[in-house]
Amino acid sequence: RFMPYTSDVTAHFLTSPIGVFDLNGDGMHDICVKSIGWEGGSNFVLAKNAQGEWEQVLLAMWGT
């Protein structure tokens, strides 16, 4: 993504959904997300735990 320069550095950070899947085959949906930062970012997966709360269960970081 290219955008004009702005002094608002928060404009260069982005979190967006990748998709909703059942990655672990438990019959429940898992949410895959991409988070882009200044010089890197991460892809991560959120899943519901035994208490029914969302928690991060997978993280892949990239960049510098």
Protein backbone atom coordinates (compact mmCIF):
# COMPACT_ATOMS: atom_id res chain seq x y z
CA ARG A 1 0.00 0.00 0.00
CA PHE A 2 1.39 3.40 -0.96
CA MET A 3 0.16 6.61 0.57
CA PRO A 4 1.27 10.24 0.72
CA TYR A 5 3.55 11.25 3.57
CA THR A 6 1.80 12.50 6.67
CA SER A 7 3.16 13.51 10.06
CA ASP A 8 0.54 11.21 11.61
CA VAL A 9 2.67 8.06 11.92
CA THR A 10 -0.33 6.03 13.08
CA ALA A 11 -1.53 6.12 9.45
CA HIS A 12 1.20 3.57 8.67
CA PHE A 13 -0.19 0.92 11.03
CA LEU A 14 -2.95 -1.40 9.90
CA THR A 15 -4.81 -4.38 11.32
CA SER A 16 -7.02 -6.32 8.93
CA PRO A 17 -8.79 -9.69 8.89
CA ILE A 18 -7.39 -12.52 6.79
CA GLY A 19 -10.34 -14.83 7.29
CA VAL A 20 -12.40 -17.02 9.58
CA PHE A 21 -11.59 -20.74 9.53
CA ASP A 22 -11.71 -23.85 11.71
CA LEU A 23 -7.96 -24.41 11.77
CA ASN A 24 -7.81 -26.97 14.57
CA GLY A 25 -10.89 -28.98 13.57
CA ASP A 26 -12.77 -28.44 16.86
CA GLY A 27 -15.95 -27.20 15.15
CA MET A 28 -15.38 -23.62 16.37
CA HIS A 29 -14.32 -20.69 14.20
CA ASP A 30 -10.81 -19.26 14.53
CA ILE A 31 -10.05 -15.70 13.41
CA CYS A 32 -6.90 -15.00 11.37
CA VAL A 33 -5.59 -11.41 11.45
CA LYS A 34 -2.75 -9.45 9.84
CA SER A 35 -1.16 -6.57 11.76
CA ILE A 36 1.25 -4.26 9.90
CA GLY A 37 3.60 -1.95 11.76
CA TRP A 38 6.31 0.52 10.83
CA GLU A 39 9.01 -1.95 9.68
CA GLY A 40 7.29 -5.29 10.13
CA GLY A 41 4.20 -6.95 11.38
CA SER A 42 2.59 -10.21 12.27
CA ASN A 43 -0.08 -12.67 11.37
CA PHE A 44 -1.92 -14.19 14.29
CA VAL A 45 -4.84 -16.47 15.09
CA LEU A 46 -7.48 -15.96 17.78
CA ALA A 47 -9.49 -18.90 19.14
CA LYS A 48 -11.97 -19.31 21.98
CA ASN A 49 -10.59 -21.01 25.09
CA ALA A 50 -12.45 -23.32 27.50
CA GLN A 51 -13.94 -20.28 29.28
CA GLY A 52 -15.37 -18.96 25.98
CA GLU A 53 -12.93 -16.03 25.80
CA TRP A 54 -10.87 -15.16 22.72
CA GLU A 55 -7.13 -15.70 23.07
CA GLN A 56 -4.16 -15.58 20.72
CA VAL A 57 -3.07 -19.14 19.91
CA LEU A 58 -0.64 -18.62 17.03
CA LEU A 59 1.77 -15.82 16.09
CA ALA A 60 4.07 -15.36 13.09
CA MET A 61 6.16 -12.19 13.14
CA TRP A 62 7.92 -10.74 10.08
CA GLY A 63 10.01 -7.74 9.14
CA THR A 64 12.93 -6.08 10.85
